[in-house]
Amino acid sequence: MDDRQDYLVKLQSQKDVWQAQLAQLQVQADTQDEPNRNAYYEMIDNLQKLLGDFDNKFDELKKSVENDSWKDVKKEMEELLKATNDAFGTVTARFKSKFSE
């Protein structure tokens, strides 16, 4: 497997982790009282949108392997990967701090 395929496997693995985190956050949000629940649902919706953007860029990156635009798309993917990871970290931390109160 070449470096590009390794990178795609790494991204798929990260995407799987985020999807599992979303499922956990959804369960936690469902247990909250009404005002908190709505705020959590909004955060989850935002994460789902970001994950959708990630999915689209991931698909574009997979296609770029074939059409030789890998370098440009990979740079965009790195930026989106960081932003998505930061967002998941922030929301997960908020959920954890609320549940530890």
PDB file of N, CA and C in Angstrom:
ATOM      1  N   MET A   1       0.850  -1.179   0.000  1.00  0.00           N
ATOM      2  CA  MET A   1       0.000   0.000   0.000  1.00  0.00           C
ATOM      3  C   MET A   1       0.897   1.244   0.000  1.00  0.00           C
ATOM      4  N   ASP A   2       0.595   2.213  -0.847  1.00  0.00           N
ATOM      5  CA  ASP A   2       1.426   3.408  -0.891  1.00  0.00           C
ATOM      6  C   ASP A   2       0.980   4.421   0.168  1.00  0.00           C
ATOM      7  N   ASP A   3       1.711   5.524   0.240  1.00  0.00           N
ATOM      8  CA  ASP A   3       1.434   6.541   1.257  1.00  0.00           C
ATOM      9  C   ASP A   3       0.027   7.118   1.135  1.00  0.00           C
ATOM     10  N   ARG A   4      -0.433   7.266  -0.090  1.00  0.00           N
ATOM     11  CA  ARG A   4      -1.772   7.822  -0.288  1.00  0.00           C
ATOM     12  C   ARG A   4      -2.836   6.892   0.272  1.00  0.00           C
ATOM     13  N   GLN A   5      -2.689   5.622   0.013  1.00  0.00           N
ATOM     14  CA  GLN A   5      -3.657   4.655   0.539  1.00  0.00           C
ATOM     15  C   GLN A   5      -3.587   4.588   2.066  1.00  0.00           C
ATOM     16  N   ASP A   6      -2.387   4.653   2.609  1.00  0.00           N
ATOM     17  CA  ASP A   6      -2.232   4.675   4.068  1.00  0.00           C
ATOM     18  C   ASP A   6      -2.961   5.875   4.667  1.00  0.00           C
ATOM     19  N   TYR A   7      -2.802   7.015   4.018  1.00  0.00           N
ATOM     20  CA  TYR A   7      -3.437   8.240   4.488  1.00  0.00           C
ATOM     21  C   TYR A   7      -4.963   8.111   4.429  1.00  0.00           C
ATOM     22  N   LEU A   8      -5.481   7.556   3.351  1.00  0.00           N
ATOM     23  CA  LEU A   8      -6.925   7.368   3.220  1.00  0.00           C
ATOM     24  C   LEU A   8      -7.460   6.425   4.297  1.00  0.00           C
ATOM     25  N   VAL A   9      -6.712   5.387   4.603  1.00  0.00           N
ATOM     26  CA  VAL A   9      -7.111   4.453   5.667  1.00  0.00           C
ATOM     27  C   VAL A   9      -7.139   5.176   7.013  1.00  0.00           C
ATOM     28  N   LYS A  10      -6.139   6.014   7.259  1.00  0.00           N
ATOM     29  CA  LYS A  10      -6.076   6.796   8.501  1.00  0.00           C
ATOM     30  C   LYS A  10      -7.294   7.719   8.609  1.00  0.00           C
ATOM     31  N   LEU A  11      -7.639   8.385   7.516  1.00  0.00           N
ATOM     32  CA  LEU A  11      -8.790   9.283   7.525  1.00  0.00           C
ATOM     33  C   LEU A  11     -10.089   8.515   7.757  1.00  0.00           C
ATOM     34  N   GLN A  12     -10.228   7.367   7.141  1.00  0.00           N
ATOM     35  CA  GLN A  12     -11.428   6.551   7.336  1.00  0.00           C
ATOM     36  C   GLN A  12     -11.550   6.128   8.795  1.00  0.00           C
ATOM     37  N   SER A  13     -10.432   5.773   9.393  1.00  0.00           N
ATOM     38  CA  SER A  13     -10.424   5.384  10.799  1.00  0.00           C
ATOM     39  C   SER A  13     -10.859   6.551  11.685  1.00  0.00           C
ATOM     40  N   GLN A  14     -10.338   7.743  11.398  1.00  0.00           N
ATOM     41  CA  GLN A  14     -10.714   8.925  12.177  1.00  0.00           C
ATOM     42  C   GLN A  14     -12.201   9.218  12.013  1.00  0.00           C
ATOM     43  N   LYS A  15     -12.695   9.089  10.810  1.00  0.00           N
ATOM     44  CA  LYS A  15     -14.121   9.310  10.539  1.00  0.00           C
ATOM     45  C   LYS A  15     -14.973   8.336  11.350  1.00  0.00           C
ATOM     46  N   ASP A  16     -14.548   7.085  11.431  1.00  0.00           N
ATOM     47  CA  ASP A  16     -15.264   6.079  12.220  1.00  0.00           C
ATOM     48  C   ASP A  16     -15.295   6.458  13.699  1.00  0.00           C
ATOM     49  N   VAL A  17     -14.178   6.982  14.198  1.00  0.00           N
ATOM     50  CA  VAL A  17     -14.107   7.422  15.600  1.00  0.00           C
ATOM     51  C   VAL A  17     -15.109   8.549  15.838  1.00  0.00           C
ATOM     52  N   TRP A  18     -15.126   9.522  14.930  1.00  0.00           N
ATOM     53  CA  TRP A  18     -16.055  10.646  15.088  1.00  0.00           C
ATOM     54  C   TRP A  18     -17.507  10.190  15.038  1.00  0.00           C
ATOM     55  N   GLN A  19     -17.820   9.252  14.174  1.00  0.00           N
ATOM     56  CA  GLN A  19     -19.194   8.756  14.095  1.00  0.00           C
ATOM     57  C   GLN A  19     -19.590   8.060  15.397  1.00  0.00           C
ATOM     58  N   ALA A  20     -18.667   7.323  15.988  1.00  0.00           N
ATOM     59  CA  ALA A  20     -18.936   6.680  17.280  1.00  0.00           C
ATOM     60  C   ALA A  20     -19.123   7.736  18.368  1.00  0.00           C
ATOM     61  N   GLN A  21     -18.297   8.779  18.336  1.00  0.00           N
ATOM     62  CA  GLN A  21     -18.439   9.860  19.313  1.00  0.00           C
ATOM     63  C   GLN A  21     -19.793  10.546  19.164  1.00  0.00           C
ATOM     64  N   LEU A  22     -20.216  10.769  17.929  1.00  0.00           N
ATOM     65  CA  LEU A  22     -21.530  11.383  17.704  1.00  0.00           C
ATOM     66  C   LEU A  22     -22.637  10.539  18.316  1.00  0.00           C
ATOM     67  N   ALA A  23     -22.554   9.240  18.155  1.00  0.00           N
ATOM     68  CA  ALA A  23     -23.563   8.346  18.726  1.00  0.00           C
ATOM     69  C   ALA A  23     -23.578   8.459  20.251  1.00  0.00           C
ATOM     70  N   GLN A  24     -22.397   8.517  20.864  1.00  0.00           N
ATOM     71  CA  GLN A  24     -22.311   8.661  22.321  1.00  0.00           C
ATOM     72  C   GLN A  24     -22.868  10.010  22.772  1.00  0.00           C
ATOM     73  N   LEU A  25     -22.527  11.069  22.043  1.00  0.00           N
ATOM     74  CA  LEU A  25     -23.026  12.398  22.388  1.00  0.00           C
ATOM     75  C   LEU A  25     -24.547  12.453  22.272  1.00  0.00           C
ATOM     76  N   GLN A  26     -25.085  11.779  21.279  1.00  0.00           N
ATOM     77  CA  GLN A  26     -26.540  11.750  21.097  1.00  0.00           C
ATOM     78  C   GLN A  26     -27.212  11.094  22.302  1.00  0.00           C
ATOM     79  N   VAL A  27     -26.655   9.987  22.765  1.00  0.00           N
ATOM     80  CA  VAL A  27     -27.211   9.301  23.937  1.00  0.00           C
ATOM     81  C   VAL A  27     -27.138  10.210  25.161  1.00  0.00           C
ATOM     82  N   GLN A  28     -26.007  10.876  25.338  1.00  0.00           N
ATOM     83  CA  GLN A  28     -25.864  11.783  26.477  1.00  0.00           C
ATOM     84  C   GLN A  28     -26.848  12.949  26.380  1.00  0.00           C
ATOM     85  N   ALA A  29     -27.010  13.499  25.200  1.00  0.00           N
ATOM     86  CA  ALA A  29     -27.929  14.624  25.014  1.00  0.00           C
ATOM     87  C   ALA A  29     -29.365  14.215  25.313  1.00  0.00           C
ATOM     88  N   ASP A  30     -29.716  13.002  24.946  1.00  0.00           N
ATOM     89  CA  ASP A  30     -31.083  12.516  25.165  1.00  0.00           C
ATOM     90  C   ASP A  30     -31.446  12.455  26.644  1.00  0.00           C
ATOM     91  N   THR A  31     -30.454  12.382  27.523  1.00  0.00           N
ATOM     92  CA  THR A  31     -30.716  12.266  28.959  1.00  0.00           C
ATOM     93  C   THR A  31     -30.796  13.618  29.663  1.00  0.00           C
ATOM     94  N   GLN A  32     -30.562  14.692  28.947  1.00  0.00           N
ATOM     95  CA  GLN A  32     -30.551  16.025  29.553  1.00  0.00           C
ATOM     96  C   GLN A  32     -31.960  16.587  29.708  1.00  0.00           C
ATOM     97  N   ASP A  33     -32.074  17.581  30.624  1.00  0.00           N
ATOM     98  CA  ASP A  33     -33.352  18.277  30.723  1.00  0.00           C
ATOM     99  C   ASP A  33     -33.536  19.162  29.483  1.00  0.00           C
ATOM    100  N   GLU A  34     -34.731  19.676  29.306  1.00  0.00           N
ATOM    101  CA  GLU A  34     -35.122  20.334  28.054  1.00  0.00           C
ATOM    102  C   GLU A  34     -34.166  21.435  27.566  1.00  0.00           C
ATOM    103  N   PRO A  35     -33.834  22.449  28.370  1.00  0.00           N
ATOM    104  CA  PRO A  35     -32.968  23.517  27.836  1.00  0.00           C
ATOM    105  C   PRO A  35     -31.584  23.000  27.434  1.00  0.00           C
ATOM    106  N   ASN A  36     -31.000  22.172  28.265  1.00  0.00           N
ATOM    107  CA  ASN A  36     -29.680  21.619  27.946  1.00  0.00           C
ATOM    108  C   ASN A  36     -29.746  20.697  26.738  1.00  0.00           C
ATOM    109  N   ARG A  37     -30.789  19.908  26.669  1.00  0.00           N
ATOM    110  CA  ARG A  37     -30.930  18.956  25.567  1.00  0.00           C
ATOM    111  C   ARG A  37     -30.931  19.688  24.221  1.00  0.00           C
ATOM    112  N   ASN A  38     -31.676  20.780  24.138  1.00  0.00           N
ATOM    113  CA  ASN A  38     -31.730  21.531  22.882  1.00  0.00           C
ATOM    114  C   ASN A  38     -30.369  22.113  22.512  1.00  0.00           C
ATOM    115  N   ALA A  39     -29.632  22.597  23.497  1.00  0.00           N
ATOM    116  CA  ALA A  39     -28.288  23.130  23.235  1.00  0.00           C
ATOM    117  C   ALA A  39     -27.362  22.020  22.751  1.00  0.00           C
ATOM    118  N   TYR A  40     -27.459  20.860  23.361  1.00  0.00           N
ATOM    119  CA  TYR A  40     -26.631  19.728  22.939  1.00  0.00           C
ATOM    120  C   TYR A  40     -27.000  19.266  21.533  1.00  0.00           C
ATOM    121  N   TYR A  41     -28.298  19.232  21.257  1.00  0.00           N
ATOM    122  CA  TYR A  41     -28.726  18.839  19.909  1.00  0.00           C
ATOM    123  C   TYR A  41     -28.178  19.803  18.858  1.00  0.00           C
ATOM    124  N   GLU A  42     -28.145  21.083  19.203  1.00  0.00           N
ATOM    125  CA  GLU A  42     -27.601  22.066  18.259  1.00  0.00           C
ATOM    126  C   GLU A  42     -26.111  21.812  18.017  1.00  0.00           C
ATOM    127  N   MET A  43     -25.369  21.524  19.089  1.00  0.00           N
ATOM    128  CA  MET A  43     -23.942  21.211  18.928  1.00  0.00           C
ATOM    129  C   MET A  43     -23.764  19.950  18.082  1.00  0.00           C
ATOM    130  N   ILE A  44     -24.581  18.949  18.332  1.00  0.00           N
ATOM    131  CA  ILE A  44     -24.500  17.700  17.571  1.00  0.00           C
ATOM    132  C   ILE A  44     -24.821  17.955  16.099  1.00  0.00           C
ATOM    133  N   ASP A  45     -25.834  18.771  15.840  1.00  0.00           N
ATOM    134  CA  ASP A  45     -26.169  19.112  14.448  1.00  0.00           C
ATOM    135  C   ASP A  45     -24.993  19.776  13.752  1.00  0.00           C
ATOM    136  N   ASN A  46     -24.327  20.686  14.457  1.00  0.00           N
ATOM    137  CA  ASN A  46     -23.161  21.361  13.874  1.00  0.00           C
ATOM    138  C   ASN A  46     -22.037  20.369  13.581  1.00  0.00           C
ATOM    139  N   LEU A  47     -21.824  19.428  14.487  1.00  0.00           N
ATOM    140  CA  LEU A  47     -20.808  18.401  14.250  1.00  0.00           C
ATOM    141  C   LEU A  47     -21.185  17.522  13.060  1.00  0.00           C
ATOM    142  N   GLN A  48     -22.456  17.204  12.937  1.00  0.00           N
ATOM    143  CA  GLN A  48     -22.897  16.382  11.808  1.00  0.00           C
ATOM    144  C   GLN A  48     -22.674  17.107  10.482  1.00  0.00           C
ATOM    145  N   LYS A  49     -22.918  18.415  10.464  1.00  0.00           N
ATOM    146  CA  LYS A  49     -22.667  19.197   9.251  1.00  0.00           C
ATOM    147  C   LYS A  49     -21.180  19.204   8.920  1.00  0.00           C
ATOM    148  N   LEU A  50     -20.360  19.393   9.940  1.00  0.00           N
ATOM    149  CA  LEU A  50     -18.916  19.391   9.742  1.00  0.00           C
ATOM    150  C   LEU A  50     -18.448  18.025   9.252  1.00  0.00           C
ATOM    151  N   LEU A  51     -19.008  16.982   9.803  1.00  0.00           N
ATOM    152  CA  LEU A  51     -18.660  15.632   9.363  1.00  0.00           C
ATOM    153  C   LEU A  51     -19.115  15.401   7.920  1.00  0.00           C
ATOM    154  N   GLY A  52     -20.232  15.988   7.543  1.00  0.00           N
ATOM    155  CA  GLY A  52     -20.679  15.917   6.152  1.00  0.00           C
ATOM    156  C   GLY A  52     -19.690  16.597   5.216  1.00  0.00           C
ATOM    157  N   ASP A  53     -19.181  17.765   5.634  1.00  0.00           N
ATOM    158  CA  ASP A  53     -18.148  18.453   4.845  1.00  0.00           C
ATOM    159  C   ASP A  53     -16.901  17.583   4.735  1.00  0.00           C
ATOM    160  N   PHE A  54     -16.551  16.942   5.845  1.00  0.00           N
ATOM    161  CA  PHE A  54     -15.395  16.053   5.861  1.00  0.00           C
ATOM    162  C   PHE A  54     -15.610  14.897   4.884  1.00  0.00           C
ATOM    163  N   ASP A  55     -16.797  14.314   4.907  1.00  0.00           N
ATOM    164  CA  ASP A  55     -17.115  13.209   3.988  1.00  0.00           C
ATOM    165  C   ASP A  55     -16.949  13.635   2.532  1.00  0.00           C
ATOM    166  N   ASN A  56     -17.465  14.823   2.214  1.00  0.00           N
ATOM    167  CA  ASN A  56     -17.359  15.321   0.837  1.00  0.00           C
ATOM    168  C   ASN A  56     -15.906  15.510   0.424  1.00  0.00           C
ATOM    169  N   LYS A  57     -15.107  16.098   1.312  1.00  0.00           N
ATOM    170  CA  LYS A  57     -13.695  16.324   0.999  1.00  0.00           C
ATOM    171  C   LYS A  57     -12.956  14.991   0.924  1.00  0.00           C
ATOM    172  N   PHE A  58     -13.330  14.047   1.773  1.00  0.00           N
ATOM    173  CA  PHE A  58     -12.727  12.718   1.752  1.00  0.00           C
ATOM    174  C   PHE A  58     -12.984  12.042   0.407  1.00  0.00           C
ATOM    175  N   ASP A  59     -14.221  12.143  -0.078  1.00  0.00           N
ATOM    176  CA  ASP A  59     -14.545  11.578  -1.393  1.00  0.00           C
ATOM    177  C   ASP A  59     -13.738  12.258  -2.494  1.00  0.00           C
ATOM    178  N   GLU A  60     -13.607  13.579  -2.394  1.00  0.00           N
ATOM    179  CA  GLU A  60     -12.818  14.324  -3.378  1.00  0.00           C
ATOM    180  C   GLU A  60     -11.357  13.882  -3.339  1.00  0.00           C
ATOM    181  N   LEU A  61     -10.852  13.651  -2.142  1.00  0.00           N
ATOM    182  CA  LEU A  61      -9.462  13.215  -1.996  1.00  0.00           C
ATOM    183  C   LEU A  61      -9.262  11.837  -2.618  1.00  0.00           C
ATOM    184  N   LYS A  62     -10.209  10.927  -2.390  1.00  0.00           N
ATOM    185  CA  LYS A  62     -10.101   9.593  -2.993  1.00  0.00           C
ATOM    186  C   LYS A  62     -10.069   9.690  -4.513  1.00  0.00           C
ATOM    187  N   LYS A  63     -10.892  10.564  -5.077  1.00  0.00           N
ATOM    188  CA  LYS A  63     -10.911  10.744  -6.534  1.00  0.00           C
ATOM    189  C   LYS A  63      -9.635  11.404  -7.036  1.00  0.00           C
ATOM    190  N   SER A  64      -9.026  12.257  -6.221  1.00  0.00           N
ATOM    191  CA  SER A  64      -7.826  12.986  -6.644  1.00  0.00           C
ATOM    192  C   SER A  64      -6.638  12.057  -6.852  1.00  0.00           C
ATOM    193  N   VAL A  65      -6.677  10.881  -6.249  1.00  0.00           N
ATOM    194  CA  VAL A  65      -5.614   9.901  -6.459  1.00  0.00           C
ATOM    195  C   VAL A  65      -5.547   9.552  -7.944  1.00  0.00           C
ATOM    196  N   GLU A  66      -6.712   9.477  -8.562  1.00  0.00           N
ATOM    197  CA  GLU A  66      -6.783   9.101  -9.969  1.00  0.00           C
ATOM    198  C   GLU A  66      -6.487  10.259 -10.912  1.00  0.00           C
ATOM    199  N   ASN A  67      -6.884  11.484 -10.556  1.00  0.00           N
ATOM    200  CA  ASN A  67      -6.730  12.590 -11.500  1.00  0.00           C
ATOM    201  C   ASN A  67      -5.548  13.508 -11.185  1.00  0.00           C
ATOM    202  N   ASP A  68      -4.670  13.079 -10.326  1.00  0.00           N
ATOM    203  CA  ASP A  68      -3.397  13.755 -10.068  1.00  0.00           C
ATOM    204  C   ASP A  68      -3.519  15.138  -9.427  1.00  0.00           C
ATOM    205  N   SER A  69      -4.567  15.375  -8.666  1.00  0.00           N
ATOM    206  CA  SER A  69      -4.682  16.635  -7.930  1.00  0.00           C
ATOM    207  C   SER A  69      -4.545  16.393  -6.427  1.00  0.00           C
ATOM    208  N   TRP A  70      -3.908  15.295  -6.081  1.00  0.00           N
ATOM    209  CA  TRP A  70      -3.775  14.853  -4.691  1.00  0.00           C
ATOM    210  C   TRP A  70      -3.202  15.934  -3.781  1.00  0.00           C
ATOM    211  N   LYS A  71      -2.129  16.571  -4.190  1.00  0.00           N
ATOM    212  CA  LYS A  71      -1.417  17.510  -3.317  1.00  0.00           C
ATOM    213  C   LYS A  71      -2.322  18.664  -2.872  1.00  0.00           C
ATOM    214  N   ASP A  72      -3.047  19.255  -3.807  1.00  0.00           N
ATOM    215  CA  ASP A  72      -3.926  20.376  -3.470  1.00  0.00           C
ATOM    216  C   ASP A  72      -5.076  19.935  -2.574  1.00  0.00           C
ATOM    217  N   VAL A  73      -5.690  18.837  -2.916  1.00  0.00           N
ATOM    218  CA  VAL A  73      -6.831  18.354  -2.144  1.00  0.00           C
ATOM    219  C   VAL A  73      -6.373  17.889  -0.762  1.00  0.00           C
ATOM    220  N   LYS A  74      -5.194  17.297  -0.676  1.00  0.00           N
ATOM    221  CA  LYS A  74      -4.693  16.838   0.622  1.00  0.00           C
ATOM    222  C   LYS A  74      -4.480  18.023   1.557  1.00  0.00           C
ATOM    223  N   LYS A  75      -3.989  19.133   1.031  1.00  0.00           N
ATOM    224  CA  LYS A  75      -3.788  20.323   1.871  1.00  0.00           C
ATOM    225  C   LYS A  75      -5.129  20.801   2.432  1.00  0.00           C
ATOM    226  N   GLU A  76      -6.144  20.860   1.585  1.00  0.00           N
ATOM    227  CA  GLU A  76      -7.481  21.246   2.044  1.00  0.00           C
ATOM    228  C   GLU A  76      -7.996  20.248   3.078  1.00  0.00           C
ATOM    229  N   MET A  77      -7.713  18.971   2.855  1.00  0.00           N
ATOM    230  CA  MET A  77      -8.166  17.926   3.765  1.00  0.00           C
ATOM    231  C   MET A  77      -7.503  18.082   5.125  1.00  0.00           C
ATOM    232  N   GLU A  78      -6.228  18.412   5.143  1.00  0.00           N
ATOM    233  CA  GLU A  78      -5.510  18.602   6.407  1.00  0.00           C
ATOM    234  C   GLU A  78      -6.145  19.727   7.226  1.00  0.00           C
ATOM    235  N   GLU A  79      -6.517  20.819   6.548  1.00  0.00           N
ATOM    236  CA  GLU A  79      -7.153  21.938   7.245  1.00  0.00           C
ATOM    237  C   GLU A  79      -8.508  21.525   7.808  1.00  0.00           C
ATOM    238  N   LEU A  80      -9.282  20.808   7.009  1.00  0.00           N
ATOM    239  CA  LEU A  80     -10.593  20.350   7.456  1.00  0.00           C
ATOM    240  C   LEU A  80     -10.464  19.305   8.562  1.00  0.00           C
ATOM    241  N   LEU A  81      -9.479  18.447   8.473  1.00  0.00           N
ATOM    242  CA  LEU A  81      -9.223  17.442   9.504  1.00  0.00           C
ATOM    243  C   LEU A  81      -8.954  18.115  10.845  1.00  0.00           C
ATOM    244  N   LYS A  82      -8.109  19.139  10.835  1.00  0.00           N
ATOM    245  CA  LYS A  82      -7.794  19.858  12.070  1.00  0.00           C
ATOM    246  C   LYS A  82      -9.038  20.548  12.634  1.00  0.00           C
ATOM    247  N   ALA A  83      -9.785  21.230  11.772  1.00  0.00           N
ATOM    248  CA  ALA A  83     -10.983  21.935  12.230  1.00  0.00           C
ATOM    249  C   ALA A  83     -12.018  20.967  12.803  1.00  0.00           C
ATOM    250  N   THR A  84     -12.206  19.842  12.148  1.00  0.00           N
ATOM    251  CA  THR A  84     -13.179  18.854  12.610  1.00  0.00           C
ATOM    252  C   THR A  84     -12.728  18.238  13.929  1.00  0.00           C
ATOM    253  N   ASN A  85     -11.456  17.914  14.022  1.00  0.00           N
ATOM    254  CA  ASN A  85     -10.922  17.340  15.253  1.00  0.00           C
ATOM    255  C   ASN A  85     -11.056  18.330  16.411  1.00  0.00           C
ATOM    256  N   ASP A  86     -10.743  19.600  16.158  1.00  0.00           N
ATOM    257  CA  ASP A  86     -10.882  20.629  17.194  1.00  0.00           C
ATOM    258  C   ASP A  86     -12.335  20.756  17.649  1.00  0.00           C
ATOM    259  N   ALA A  87     -13.260  20.746  16.691  1.00  0.00           N
ATOM    260  CA  ALA A  87     -14.679  20.879  17.029  1.00  0.00           C
ATOM    261  C   ALA A  87     -15.158  19.699  17.872  1.00  0.00           C
ATOM    262  N   PHE A  88     -14.778  18.494  17.487  1.00  0.00           N
ATOM    263  CA  PHE A  88     -15.168  17.323  18.274  1.00  0.00           C
ATOM    264  C   PHE A  88     -14.561  17.394  19.672  1.00  0.00           C
ATOM    265  N   GLY A  89     -13.318  17.827  19.770  1.00  0.00           N
ATOM    266  CA  GLY A  89     -12.677  17.952  21.076  1.00  0.00           C
ATOM    267  C   GLY A  89     -13.391  18.948  21.970  1.00  0.00           C
ATOM    268  N   THR A  90     -13.773  20.080  21.398  1.00  0.00           N
ATOM    269  CA  THR A  90     -14.464  21.119  22.156  1.00  0.00           C
ATOM    270  C   THR A  90     -15.824  20.637  22.646  1.00  0.00           C
ATOM    271  N   VAL A  91     -16.603  20.065  21.761  1.00  0.00           N
ATOM    272  CA  VAL A  91     -17.947  19.611  22.139  1.00  0.00           C
ATOM    273  C   VAL A  91     -17.868  18.463  23.137  1.00  0.00           C
ATOM    274  N   THR A  92     -16.963  17.534  22.912  1.00  0.00           N
ATOM    275  CA  THR A  92     -16.810  16.413  23.840  1.00  0.00           C
ATOM    276  C   THR A  92     -16.415  16.920  25.227  1.00  0.00           C
ATOM    277  N   ALA A  93     -15.529  17.899  25.279  1.00  0.00           N
ATOM    278  CA  ALA A  93     -15.121  18.469  26.568  1.00  0.00           C
ATOM    279  C   ALA A  93     -16.309  19.143  27.257  1.00  0.00           C
ATOM    280  N   ARG A  94     -17.135  19.841  26.492  1.00  0.00           N
ATOM    281  CA  ARG A  94     -18.318  20.479  27.081  1.00  0.00           C
ATOM    282  C   ARG A  94     -19.270  19.437  27.653  1.00  0.00           C
ATOM    283  N   PHE A  95     -19.478  18.378  26.921  1.00  0.00           N
ATOM    284  CA  PHE A  95     -20.357  17.317  27.407  1.00  0.00           C
ATOM    285  C   PHE A  95     -19.787  16.713  28.688  1.00  0.00           C
ATOM    286  N   LYS A  96     -18.490  16.434  28.689  1.00  0.00           N
ATOM    287  CA  LYS A  96     -17.879  15.815  29.871  1.00  0.00           C
ATOM    288  C   LYS A  96     -17.980  16.730  31.080  1.00  0.00           C
ATOM    289  N   SER A  97     -17.750  18.033  30.889  1.00  0.00           N
ATOM    290  CA  SER A  97     -17.801  18.949  32.028  1.00  0.00           C
ATOM    291  C   SER A  97     -19.222  19.061  32.566  1.00  0.00           C
ATOM    292  N   LYS A  98     -20.219  19.014  31.704  1.00  0.00           N
ATOM    293  CA  LYS A  98     -21.612  19.079  32.155  1.00  0.00           C
ATOM    294  C   LYS A  98     -22.000  17.818  32.924  1.00  0.00           C
ATOM    295  N   PHE A  99     -21.501  16.678  32.483  1.00  0.00           N
ATOM    296  CA  PHE A  99     -21.866  15.427  33.136  1.00  0.00           C
ATOM    297  C   PHE A  99     -21.089  15.191  34.422  1.00  0.00           C
ATOM    298  N   SER A 100     -20.023  15.936  34.633  1.00  0.00           N
ATOM    299  CA  SER A 100     -19.252  15.752  35.861  1.00  0.00           C
ATOM    300  C   SER A 100     -19.740  16.685  36.963  1.00  0.00           C
ATOM    301  N   GLU A 101     -20.688  17.554  36.632  1.00  0.00           N
ATOM    302  CA  GLU A 101     -21.218  18.480  37.650  1.00  0.00           C
ATOM    303  C   GLU A 101     -22.153  17.779  38.595  1.00  0.00           C
TER     304      GLU A 101
END
